[in-house]
Amino acid sequence: MYENSGGQSGGAPRSFNIPDPFEGTQFSGAQLMRAGLGAYGEQLLGTSSEYVQSNISGISRYFSESQYYFQVNDRYVRNKLKIILFPFFHRGYWTRITEPVGGRLSYKPPIHDINAPDLYIPLMAYFTYVLLAGFSLGLAGKFSPEALSSQFTKGLLGWFLQILLLKGSLYSIGSIEAPLLDIVAYSGYPFVGMCLAVLGRIIWRYSYYYMMLWACLCMAVFSVKTMKRVLFAEARSYDTSKNLYLILFIALAQFPYFIWLGNIGV
């Protein structure tokens, strides 16, 4: 009674076409994943690029500021050495010269201002001190690489102690605006006097004591003038008696400091 009206033979399974939900759209599932990862990568790279650029700009600004302390010439070096070794005869001003730069006052570089701090003389004096110390050790028959390395480390430690002394003095009176490289420069000038004292020991043994005494006195006077007219000038503290005591302490501290550095090989 019933007839098969279908055109298919036997029990062959039927096939069904399931439509793709992403068919006809702009992105497939894989393309969406790639797009998301690409956006995240761009954001990550952008953040990293900004971080690197900010650090590079900070480093470049630091080096550009450090170049200020190496703007010297022969005339500046000669006159600066005269002030350090003969501060009693300096008749000029001890204050630094300012100039307007970008709407604010800035200090002139050492090449244009004899009172500006520099790093050329301290570094040259430090290495000269180490070389003279090595030569003095050789004359005494005590030279060795270990002894020279010990003297090198001793000089660096002395420089660091001077930085702590000046920085601590400024901090105690409420003046924390002095640039660190200014403190490093002023702390390195005593090596000029040390070179003179060690050279006196090499030339004539007994002249060392006279040279050492002269170097201590000159550095004490130079420190007093520098701290009073330059570093303490912008202090926010008005306790002048405290400032005078600190200046006197810094001046007196030069004597044991010179004696300690002058003991070559100890």
Protein backbone atom coordinates (compact mmCIF):
# COMPACT_ATOMS: atom_id res chain seq x y z
CA MET A 1 0.00 0.00 0.00
CA TYR A 2 2.81 2.34 0.62
CA GLU A 3 5.22 3.35 -2.10
CA ASN A 4 8.71 4.76 -1.71
CA SER A 5 8.53 8.17 -3.20
CA GLY A 6 12.21 9.06 -2.53
CA GLY A 7 14.79 8.91 -5.25
CA GLN A 8 17.43 7.25 -3.09
CA SER A 9 18.10 3.59 -3.09
CA GLY A 10 18.50 1.44 -0.02
CA GLY A 11 19.36 2.98 3.41
CA ALA A 12 22.11 5.37 2.33
CA PRO A 13 22.68 8.09 4.99
CA ARG A 14 21.71 11.59 4.24
CA SER A 15 24.30 14.41 4.29
CA PHE A 16 23.58 17.74 5.98
CA ASN A 17 25.39 21.04 5.23
CA ILE A 18 26.13 22.87 8.57
CA PRO A 19 26.63 26.58 7.97
CA ASP A 20 29.89 28.25 9.27
CA PRO A 21 28.96 31.04 11.71
CA PHE A 22 32.05 33.04 10.61
CA GLU A 23 31.35 32.60 6.91
CA GLY A 24 30.80 35.91 5.20
CA THR A 25 32.42 37.88 8.06
CA GLN A 26 35.70 39.85 7.87
CA PHE A 27 37.72 37.77 10.41
CA SER A 28 37.86 34.09 11.15
CA GLY A 29 38.61 32.69 14.65
CA ALA A 30 42.35 32.36 13.94
CA GLN A 31 42.49 35.84 12.48
CA LEU A 32 40.81 37.26 15.58
CA MET A 33 43.40 35.56 17.79
CA ARG A 34 46.25 36.91 15.68
CA ALA A 35 44.77 40.39 15.78
CA GLY A 36 44.43 40.27 19.58
CA LEU A 37 47.99 39.07 20.06
CA GLY A 38 49.23 41.70 17.63
CA ALA A 39 47.50 44.50 19.53
CA TYR A 40 48.88 43.22 22.83
CA GLY A 41 52.37 43.01 21.33
CA GLU A 42 52.16 46.54 19.98
CA GLN A 43 51.03 47.82 23.37
CA LEU A 44 53.83 45.94 25.13
CA LEU A 45 56.44 47.14 22.67
CA GLY A 46 55.10 50.66 22.90
CA THR A 47 55.36 50.64 26.70
CA SER A 48 58.86 49.15 26.56
CA SER A 49 59.91 51.70 23.97
CA GLU A 50 58.67 54.56 26.12
CA TYR A 51 60.49 53.12 29.15
CA VAL A 52 63.76 52.74 27.22
CA GLN A 53 63.46 56.21 25.71
CA SER A 54 62.81 57.76 29.13
CA ASN A 55 65.85 56.01 30.60
CA ILE A 56 68.03 56.92 27.64
CA SER A 57 66.95 60.55 27.91
CA GLY A 58 67.76 60.49 31.64
CA ILE A 59 71.20 58.97 31.00
CA SER A 60 71.95 61.40 28.16
CA ARG A 61 70.86 64.32 30.36
CA TYR A 62 73.17 63.07 33.12
CA PHE A 63 76.14 62.87 30.74
CA SER A 64 75.32 66.26 29.24
CA GLU A 65 75.37 67.72 32.75
CA SER A 66 78.67 65.99 33.56
CA GLN A 67 80.24 67.58 30.48
CA TYR A 68 79.90 70.91 32.29
CA TYR A 69 82.68 69.88 34.70
CA PHE A 70 85.16 69.17 31.90
CA GLN A 71 84.84 72.48 30.07
CA VAL A 72 88.34 73.67 31.00
CA ASN A 73 91.38 75.08 29.26
CA ASP A 74 95.04 75.64 30.12
CA ARG A 75 94.38 79.09 31.55
CA TYR A 76 91.69 77.81 33.89
CA VAL A 77 93.86 74.91 35.09
CA ARG A 78 96.82 77.19 35.87
CA ASN A 79 94.72 79.73 37.73
CA LYS A 80 92.79 77.06 39.62
CA LEU A 81 95.99 75.37 40.78
CA LYS A 82 97.25 78.74 42.02
CA ILE A 83 94.08 79.23 44.06
CA ILE A 84 94.29 75.72 45.54
CA LEU A 85 97.99 75.88 46.42
CA PHE A 86 98.14 79.61 47.27
CA PRO A 87 94.65 80.63 48.46
CA PHE A 88 96.15 83.38 50.68
CA PHE A 89 97.09 85.40 47.60
CA HIS A 90 93.77 85.17 45.79
CA ARG A 91 92.37 88.71 45.67
CA GLY A 92 89.34 88.04 43.52
CA TYR A 93 85.85 86.94 44.42
CA TRP A 94 85.08 83.43 45.64
CA THR A 95 81.46 83.42 44.44
CA ARG A 96 80.35 81.82 41.20
CA ILE A 97 79.11 83.74 38.16
CA THR A 98 75.51 83.20 37.02
CA GLU A 99 73.88 83.75 33.65
CA PRO A 100 70.25 83.51 32.46
CA VAL A 101 69.56 80.31 30.52
CA GLY A 102 66.04 79.37 29.44
CA GLY A 103 64.40 81.85 31.77
CA ARG A 104 66.34 80.78 34.87
CA LEU A 105 69.75 81.50 36.35
CA SER A 106 72.51 79.01 35.69
CA TYR A 107 76.19 78.92 36.61
CA LYS A 108 78.82 79.55 33.98
CA PRO A 109 81.13 76.62 33.16
CA PRO A 110 84.69 76.47 34.52
CA ILE A 111 86.19 77.79 31.31
CA HIS A 112 84.42 81.11 31.99
CA ASP A 113 84.48 81.11 35.81
CA ILE A 114 87.55 80.37 37.92
CA ASN A 115 85.37 79.62 40.97
CA ALA A 116 83.30 76.95 39.21
CA PRO A 117 84.05 73.36 40.25
CA ASP A 118 85.53 70.96 37.71
CA LEU A 119 86.33 67.26 37.60
CA TYR A 120 89.38 67.47 35.35
CA ILE A 121 91.80 68.67 38.05
CA PRO A 122 90.56 66.26 40.78
CA LEU A 123 90.79 63.23 38.48
CA MET A 124 94.24 64.18 37.16
CA ALA A 125 95.44 64.93 40.70
CA TYR A 126 94.12 61.60 41.98
CA PHE A 127 95.88 59.52 39.31
CA THR A 128 99.04 61.58 39.73
CA TYR A 129 98.90 60.90 43.46
CA VAL A 130 98.66 57.15 42.81
CA LEU A 131 101.61 57.26 40.39
CA LEU A 132 103.75 59.29 42.79
CA ALA A 133 102.84 56.90 45.59
CA GLY A 134 103.97 53.98 43.45
CA PHE A 135 107.23 55.77 42.65
CA SER A 136 107.79 56.49 46.34
CA LEU A 137 107.19 52.82 47.16
CA GLY A 138 109.72 51.85 44.52
CA LEU A 139 112.37 54.13 46.01
CA ALA A 140 111.73 52.59 49.43
CA GLY A 141 111.98 49.06 48.00
CA LYS A 142 108.36 48.29 48.89
CA PHE A 143 106.78 48.40 45.44
CA SER A 144 104.44 45.60 44.43
CA PRO A 145 101.20 45.39 42.47
CA GLU A 146 99.35 44.68 45.70
CA ALA A 147 100.85 47.76 47.40
CA LEU A 148 99.94 49.97 44.44
CA SER A 149 96.41 48.55 44.35
CA SER A 150 96.11 49.18 48.09
CA GLN A 151 97.17 52.80 47.60
CA PHE A 152 94.66 53.18 44.76
CA THR A 153 91.86 51.87 46.99
CA LYS A 154 93.02 54.05 49.87
CA GLY A 155 92.78 57.15 47.69
CA LEU A 156 89.28 56.25 46.54
CA LEU A 157 88.22 55.63 50.12
CA GLY A 158 89.62 59.01 51.15
CA TRP A 159 87.76 60.72 48.31
CA PHE A 160 84.54 59.01 49.39
CA LEU A 161 85.05 60.08 53.00
CA GLN A 162 85.47 63.69 51.89
CA ILE A 163 82.24 63.47 49.92
CA LEU A 164 80.43 62.16 52.99
CA LEU A 165 81.91 64.96 55.10
CA LEU A 166 80.78 67.74 52.77
CA LYS A 167 77.42 66.15 52.00
CA GLY A 168 76.72 65.54 55.68
CA SER A 169 77.65 69.13 56.54
CA LEU A 170 75.28 70.51 53.92
CA TYR A 171 72.49 68.19 55.02
CA SER A 172 72.90 69.21 58.65
CA ILE A 173 72.18 72.85 57.83
CA GLY A 174 69.23 72.07 55.58
CA SER A 175 70.96 72.64 52.25
CA ILE A 176 70.37 69.60 50.05
CA GLU A 177 70.26 71.43 46.73
CA ALA A 178 73.98 71.26 45.93
CA PRO A 179 74.57 68.94 42.94
CA LEU A 180 76.39 65.73 43.74
CA LEU A 181 79.06 66.36 41.12
CA ASP A 182 79.83 69.70 42.79
CA ILE A 183 80.51 67.83 46.03
CA VAL A 184 82.63 65.24 44.18
CA ALA A 185 84.69 67.99 42.56
CA TYR A 186 85.34 69.93 45.77
CA SER A 187 86.17 66.69 47.60
CA GLY A 188 88.83 65.81 45.00
CA TYR A 189 90.83 69.04 45.17
CA PRO A 190 92.85 67.91 48.25
CA PHE A 191 94.72 65.47 45.99
CA VAL A 192 96.48 68.48 44.48
CA GLY A 193 98.11 69.21 47.84
CA MET A 194 98.81 65.52 48.38
CA CYS A 195 100.71 65.38 45.08
CA LEU A 196 102.84 68.31 46.26
CA ALA A 197 103.59 66.60 49.60
CA VAL A 198 104.45 63.21 48.06
CA LEU A 199 106.63 64.90 45.46
CA GLY A 200 108.47 66.68 48.26
CA ARG A 201 109.13 63.30 49.91
CA ILE A 202 110.58 61.95 46.67
CA ILE A 203 112.86 64.95 46.10
CA TRP A 204 114.02 65.40 49.70
CA ARG A 205 112.75 63.29 52.53
CA TYR A 206 112.60 66.04 55.14
CA SER A 207 110.83 68.47 52.84
CA TYR A 208 107.78 66.20 53.06
CA TYR A 209 106.82 67.59 56.46
CA TYR A 210 107.01 71.21 55.30
CA MET A 211 105.10 70.42 52.13
CA MET A 212 102.49 68.49 54.09
CA LEU A 213 101.99 71.34 56.55
CA TRP A 214 101.68 73.86 53.71
CA ALA A 215 99.24 71.65 51.80
CA CYS A 216 97.07 71.19 54.91
CA LEU A 217 96.95 74.93 55.60
CA CYS A 218 96.17 75.79 51.99
CA MET A 219 93.46 73.17 51.73
CA ALA A 220 91.94 74.31 55.02
CA VAL A 221 91.75 77.91 53.78
CA PHE A 222 90.44 76.81 50.39
CA SER A 223 87.76 74.69 52.08
CA VAL A 224 86.69 77.55 54.34
CA LYS A 225 86.38 79.99 51.45
CA THR A 226 84.61 77.50 49.23
CA MET A 227 82.14 76.28 51.83
CA LYS A 228 81.34 79.77 53.06
CA ARG A 229 81.00 81.55 49.72
CA VAL A 230 79.74 78.77 47.46
CA LEU A 231 78.21 75.73 49.16
CA PHE A 232 76.74 77.43 52.23
CA ALA A 233 75.60 80.50 50.32
CA GLU A 234 72.24 78.97 49.37
CA ALA A 235 71.58 77.24 52.66
CA ARG A 236 68.10 77.68 54.06
CA SER A 237 69.41 77.75 57.61
CA TYR A 238 70.19 81.11 59.18
CA ASP A 239 72.07 79.72 62.17
CA THR A 240 75.38 81.39 61.30
CA SER A 241 77.08 80.09 64.43
CA LYS A 242 76.32 76.50 63.40
CA ASN A 243 77.65 77.19 59.92
CA LEU A 244 80.89 78.59 61.34
CA TYR A 245 81.39 75.55 63.54
CA LEU A 246 80.87 73.24 60.57
CA ILE A 247 83.32 75.21 58.45
CA LEU A 248 85.89 75.10 61.22
CA PHE A 249 85.37 71.35 61.61
CA ILE A 250 85.86 70.77 57.86
CA ALA A 251 89.04 72.86 57.91
CA LEU A 252 90.51 70.98 60.89
CA ALA A 253 89.54 67.63 59.36
CA GLN A 254 91.99 68.25 56.52
CA PHE A 255 94.99 67.71 58.82
CA PRO A 256 94.31 64.08 59.85
CA TYR A 257 93.01 63.40 56.35
CA PHE A 258 96.29 64.54 54.76
CA ILE A 259 98.39 62.68 57.31
CA TRP A 260 96.45 59.46 56.65
CA LEU A 261 96.78 59.72 52.85
CA GLY A 262 100.41 60.78 53.15
CA ASN A 263 101.41 57.55 54.90
CA ILE A 264 102.40 55.74 51.73
CA GLY A 265 102.46 51.98 52.07
CA VAL A 266 100.63 51.97 55.42
